[in-house]
Protein backbone atom coordinates (compact mmCIF):
# COMPACT_ATOMS: atom_id res chain seq x y z
CA MET A 1 -13.26 -10.04 30.77
CA ALA A 2 -10.19 -12.23 30.58
CA ALA A 3 -8.25 -9.50 28.79
CA MET A 4 -8.79 -7.21 31.73
CA ALA A 5 -7.75 -9.71 34.39
CA ASP A 6 -6.76 -8.28 37.76
CA GLN A 7 -3.15 -7.41 38.27
CA LYS A 8 -0.77 -9.08 40.69
CA GLU A 9 -0.29 -5.96 42.75
CA ARG A 10 -1.77 -2.50 42.73
CA PRO A 11 0.68 0.22 41.64
CA PRO A 12 1.58 2.86 44.19
CA GLY A 13 -0.69 5.82 44.72
CA MET A 14 0.38 9.40 44.36
CA SER A 15 1.81 9.31 47.87
CA GLU A 16 4.50 6.85 46.66
CA THR A 17 6.08 7.79 43.36
CA VAL A 18 7.53 5.49 40.71
CA SER A 19 10.88 7.19 41.34
CA ASP A 20 10.73 6.20 45.00
CA ALA A 21 9.92 2.60 44.10
CA LEU A 22 12.74 2.38 41.57
CA GLY A 23 15.25 4.25 43.70
CA GLU A 24 15.74 6.90 41.00
CA PRO A 25 16.78 10.49 41.74
CA ALA A 26 14.03 12.85 42.80
CA PRO A 27 12.48 14.79 39.90
CA ASP A 28 13.26 18.43 39.40
CA SER A 29 10.79 20.14 41.73
CA PHE A 30 10.63 23.32 39.65
CA ALA A 31 9.79 21.48 36.43
CA ASP A 32 7.24 19.32 38.23
CA GLY A 33 5.75 22.35 39.90
CA MET A 34 5.35 24.09 36.56
CA ASP A 35 3.48 21.03 35.26
CA ALA A 36 1.24 20.56 38.27
CA GLU A 37 -1.61 22.75 37.07
CA ARG A 38 -1.54 21.18 33.60
CA ALA A 39 -1.13 17.61 34.90
CA PRO A 40 -4.63 16.26 34.08
CA THR A 41 -4.51 17.46 30.45
CA ARG A 42 -0.84 16.64 29.90
CA SER A 43 -1.20 13.24 31.56
CA LEU A 44 -4.09 12.31 29.28
CA SER A 45 -2.03 13.26 26.23
CA VAL A 46 1.01 11.35 27.46
CA ALA A 47 -1.12 8.31 28.35
CA ASP A 48 -2.61 8.34 24.85
CA ARG A 49 0.85 8.39 23.28
CA ILE A 50 2.23 5.60 25.44
CA ARG A 51 -0.94 3.56 24.95
CA ALA A 52 -0.69 3.93 21.16
CA SER A 53 2.94 2.77 21.25
CA ILE A 54 2.04 -0.29 23.31
CA LEU A 55 -0.94 -1.18 21.11
CA SER A 56 1.18 -0.71 17.99
CA GLY A 57 3.68 -3.26 19.30
CA ASP A 58 6.52 -0.76 19.81
CA PHE A 59 7.10 -2.24 23.28
CA GLU A 60 7.44 -6.02 23.59
CA PRO A 61 5.40 -7.87 26.24
CA GLY A 62 7.34 -7.76 29.50
CA ALA A 63 9.36 -4.68 28.47
CA ARG A 64 10.05 -2.30 31.36
CA LEU A 65 8.92 1.30 30.96
CA HIS A 66 11.31 3.71 32.65
CA GLU A 67 9.85 6.99 33.80
CA VAL A 68 13.00 9.01 33.04
CA ARG A 69 13.51 7.55 29.57
CA LEU A 70 9.86 8.06 28.65
CA SER A 71 9.94 11.68 29.82
CA GLU A 72 13.01 12.31 27.63
CA ARG A 73 11.48 10.50 24.66
CA LEU A 74 8.17 12.37 24.92
CA GLY A 75 9.70 15.73 25.78
CA VAL A 76 7.74 16.19 29.00
CA SER A 77 8.57 16.21 32.70
CA ARG A 78 8.21 13.09 34.81
CA THR A 79 4.97 14.17 36.51
CA PRO A 80 2.64 13.49 33.53
CA VAL A 81 4.59 10.33 32.68
CA ARG A 82 4.13 9.05 36.24
CA SER A 83 0.38 9.74 36.11
CA ALA A 84 0.12 8.14 32.67
CA LEU A 85 1.84 4.94 33.83
CA GLN A 86 -0.49 4.68 36.80
CA SER A 87 -3.48 5.19 34.50
CA LEU A 88 -2.32 2.54 32.01
CA ALA A 89 -1.71 0.09 34.85
CA SER A 90 -5.29 0.62 36.04
CA GLU A 91 -6.45 -0.21 32.49
CA GLY A 92 -4.56 -3.50 32.59
CA LEU A 93 -2.02 -2.61 29.89
CA LEU A 94 0.88 -2.41 32.36
CA GLU A 95 1.87 -4.40 35.41
CA TYR A 96 3.60 -3.00 38.48
CA ALA A 97 6.10 -4.90 40.62
CA PRO A 98 8.00 -3.54 43.64
CA ASN A 99 11.64 -2.72 42.89
CA ARG A 100 11.00 -3.18 39.16
CA GLY A 101 8.38 -0.59 38.36
CA TYR A 102 6.10 -0.84 35.34
CA SER A 103 6.29 -3.31 32.49
CA VAL A 104 4.09 -4.15 29.51
CA ARG A 105 1.66 -6.85 30.52
CA ARG A 106 2.13 -10.32 29.03
CA PHE A 107 -1.17 -11.79 27.83
CA LEU A 108 -1.87 -15.50 27.60
CA THR A 109 -2.86 -16.92 24.23
CA SER A 110 -6.23 -17.77 25.78
CA GLU A 111 -6.74 -14.11 26.74
CA ILE A 112 -5.91 -12.99 23.20
CA VAL A 113 -8.43 -15.49 21.83
CA ASP A 114 -11.05 -14.24 24.32
CA ALA A 115 -10.50 -10.65 23.17
CA TYR A 116 -10.90 -11.64 19.52
CA GLU A 117 -14.03 -13.68 20.14
CA ILE A 118 -15.66 -10.75 21.89
CA ARG A 119 -14.43 -8.39 19.16
CA THR A 120 -15.99 -10.65 16.53
CA MET A 121 -19.43 -10.14 18.06
CA LEU A 122 -19.02 -6.42 18.74
CA GLU A 123 -17.49 -5.45 15.40
CA SER A 124 -20.04 -7.39 13.38
CA LEU A 125 -22.74 -5.47 15.26
CA ALA A 126 -20.94 -2.19 14.51
CA ALA A 127 -20.88 -3.03 10.79
CA ARG A 128 -24.59 -3.88 10.82
CA LEU A 129 -25.49 -0.63 12.60
CA ALA A 130 -23.27 1.38 10.23
CA ALA A 131 -25.12 -0.13 7.26
CA GLU A 132 -28.52 0.51 8.83
CA ARG A 133 -27.76 4.09 9.86
CA GLY A 134 -25.60 5.09 6.91
CA LEU A 135 -22.23 6.82 6.59
CA THR A 136 -21.62 10.54 6.59
CA ASP A 137 -19.63 12.12 3.76
CA ALA A 138 -16.68 12.51 6.14
CA GLU A 139 -16.82 8.83 7.14
CA ARG A 140 -16.96 7.73 3.52
CA ALA A 141 -13.95 9.90 2.75
CA VAL A 142 -11.90 8.39 5.60
CA ILE A 143 -12.75 4.80 4.65
CA GLU A 144 -12.11 5.38 0.95
CA GLY A 145 -8.79 7.03 1.81
CA ALA A 146 -7.82 4.05 3.97
CA LEU A 147 -8.77 1.61 1.22
CA ALA A 148 -6.75 3.59 -1.35
CA ASP A 149 -3.72 3.72 0.96
CA GLY A 150 -3.97 -0.02 1.53
CA ASP A 151 -4.21 -0.62 -2.22
CA ALA A 152 -1.03 1.42 -2.70
CA ILE A 153 0.86 -0.56 -0.05
CA LEU A 154 -0.23 -3.86 -1.60
CA ALA A 155 0.63 -2.73 -5.14
CA LYS A 156 4.26 -3.57 -4.36
CA ALA A 157 5.58 -7.03 -5.16
CA GLU A 158 6.44 -7.67 -1.52
CA LEU A 159 5.95 -5.95 1.81
CA GLU A 160 8.73 -4.41 3.88
CA GLU A 161 8.81 -4.13 7.65
CA ALA A 162 8.20 -0.37 7.36
CA ASP A 163 4.89 -1.13 5.64
CA ARG A 164 3.62 -2.73 8.85
CA ILE A 165 3.21 0.69 10.49
CA GLY A 166 1.55 2.12 7.40
CA TYR A 167 -0.91 -0.72 7.11
CA GLY A 168 -1.56 -0.56 10.85
CA ALA A 169 -2.74 3.04 10.35
CA VAL A 170 -4.89 1.95 7.39
CA ASN A 171 -6.44 -0.86 9.41
CA PHE A 172 -7.12 1.39 12.38
CA ALA A 173 -8.75 4.10 10.24
CA PHE A 174 -11.03 1.58 8.50
CA HIS A 175 -12.28 -0.15 11.63
CA ASP A 176 -12.41 2.92 13.86
CA THR A 177 -14.56 4.78 11.34
CA ILE A 178 -17.04 1.91 11.17
CA HIS A 179 -17.21 1.89 14.98
CA ALA A 180 -18.00 5.62 14.91
CA ALA A 181 -20.59 5.10 12.16
CA SER A 182 -22.49 2.68 14.39
CA ARG A 183 -23.59 5.76 16.39
CA CYS A 184 -23.41 3.65 19.55
CA ARG A 185 -21.01 5.04 22.11
CA MET A 186 -21.29 2.07 24.46
CA LEU A 187 -20.41 -0.31 21.64
CA GLY A 188 -17.33 1.75 20.79
CA ASP A 189 -16.25 1.76 24.44
CA MET A 190 -16.56 -2.03 24.63
CA ILE A 191 -14.54 -2.51 21.44
CA ARG A 192 -11.80 -0.25 22.81
CA MET A 193 -11.72 -2.36 25.96
CA CYS A 194 -11.04 -5.47 23.87
CA GLN A 195 -8.25 -3.60 22.11
CA SER A 196 -6.46 -3.09 25.42
CA VAL A 197 -4.91 -6.46 24.54
CA PRO A 198 -2.11 -5.26 22.20
CA GLN A 199 -2.33 -8.30 19.92
CA SER A 200 -6.03 -7.53 19.46
CA SER A 201 -5.47 -3.88 18.57
CA HIS A 202 -6.16 -2.69 15.03
CA ARG A 203 -2.91 -0.71 15.21
CA ASN A 204 -0.81 -3.82 15.73
CA VAL A 205 -0.51 -5.93 12.56
CA VAL A 206 1.17 -8.97 14.10
CA SER A 207 0.79 -11.39 11.18
CA PHE A 208 2.17 -9.61 8.10
CA GLU A 209 2.44 -12.14 5.28
CA TYR A 210 1.65 -10.57 1.90
CA LEU A 211 -1.16 -12.93 0.87
CA GLU A 212 -2.79 -12.72 4.29
CA VAL A 213 -2.70 -8.92 4.34
CA ARG A 214 -4.12 -8.82 0.80
CA ARG A 215 -6.97 -11.11 1.79
CA ARG A 216 -7.78 -8.95 4.82
CA HIS A 217 -7.71 -5.82 2.70
CA GLU A 218 -10.05 -7.39 0.14
CA ASP A 219 -12.36 -8.13 3.08
CA HIS A 220 -12.32 -4.41 3.87
CA HIS A 221 -13.44 -3.58 0.34
CA ARG A 222 -16.31 -6.08 0.53
CA ILE A 223 -17.42 -4.87 3.95
CA TYR A 224 -17.43 -1.27 2.76
CA ASP A 225 -19.44 -2.16 -0.35
CA ALA A 226 -22.06 -3.88 1.81
CA ILE A 227 -22.30 -0.87 4.12
CA LEU A 228 -22.69 1.48 1.14
CA LEU A 229 -25.49 -0.72 -0.22
CA ARG A 230 -27.15 -0.58 3.23
CA ASP A 231 -27.08 -4.39 3.28
CA ALA A 232 -26.90 -4.76 7.06
CA TYR A 233 -26.98 -8.56 7.14
CA ARG A 234 -24.17 -8.94 4.60
CA ALA A 235 -22.05 -6.27 6.32
CA GLU A 236 -22.49 -8.05 9.65
CA MET A 237 -21.61 -11.50 8.27
CA LEU A 238 -18.59 -10.24 6.33
CA MET A 239 -17.20 -8.45 9.39
CA ARG A 240 -17.80 -11.51 11.56
CA GLU A 241 -15.87 -13.73 9.11
CA HIS A 242 -13.14 -11.10 8.74
CA VAL A 243 -12.36 -10.73 12.46
CA ALA A 244 -12.62 -14.48 13.07
CA SER A 245 -10.19 -15.16 10.23
CA VAL A 246 -7.71 -12.55 11.52
CA LYS A 247 -7.91 -14.22 14.94
CA THR A 248 -7.06 -17.61 13.42
CA GLY A 249 -4.03 -16.23 11.57
CA LEU A 250 -2.79 -14.26 14.55
CA VAL A 251 -3.06 -17.14 17.01
CA ARG A 252 -1.21 -19.37 14.55
CA SER A 253 1.50 -16.69 14.33
CA ILE A 254 1.97 -16.16 18.07
CA SER A 255 1.08 -19.57 19.52
CA GLY A 256 4.73 -20.55 19.71
CA ARG A 257 5.69 -17.35 21.54
CA ALA A 258 2.80 -16.46 23.86
CA PRO A 259 2.44 -18.02 27.34
CA ARG A 260 0.00 -20.92 27.40
CA SER A 261 -3.35 -20.84 29.16
CA ARG A 262 -3.40 -21.90 32.78
CA ARG A 263 -6.95 -23.22 32.43
């Protein structure tokens, strides 16, 4: 997929550390040694946290990620951070350059559009399957909680920047629960792959105008009602229109800032 385009250069393997490439001081061998046995588990946790920050828009495209600063911020040694950065680079979220280290990948507008077009097809299928197969009590509770939280955010006369994070969590909970309700693991994996483009992630609410957010949230209510009624066709069509409309608004918002397609 375009969103997962190959990187300019492969990051170094474990034989060459990020510290070596950046010319930073060697890590504390005792601390790293203590982490060695826990590295796979710790690295997964650290990778998840860094990934969530990137997908939420906490790091701007092109921003450098420093191993030492991340280890201090996350409260872990540099070993799991190093492994996490290598893992995220292999996913296509980060780019590696000699003498510069890792930075957040810059995506072309065309790549963002590609991710949304694929998401439109996949998420509409997830909504249809969720309607056909039905929601569990736990899934209904999560979606209804997300809808209520979104209603509370939109009850204010105008949105503040702090509300962006809150609505990002609402948006993620709504969509992620529908993906789970599809009972199709492969479909969920493919949707997550599309969301490796930060601007296509449910956590990252790039366009945050009040009327646009309200319209999206009203879409959520309609999609949920269709799923509850087990109206698979309506759920599918509503989700298709919803994601396509979000794509249009987002591309309009970022078109002046994102690099243009080289096609």
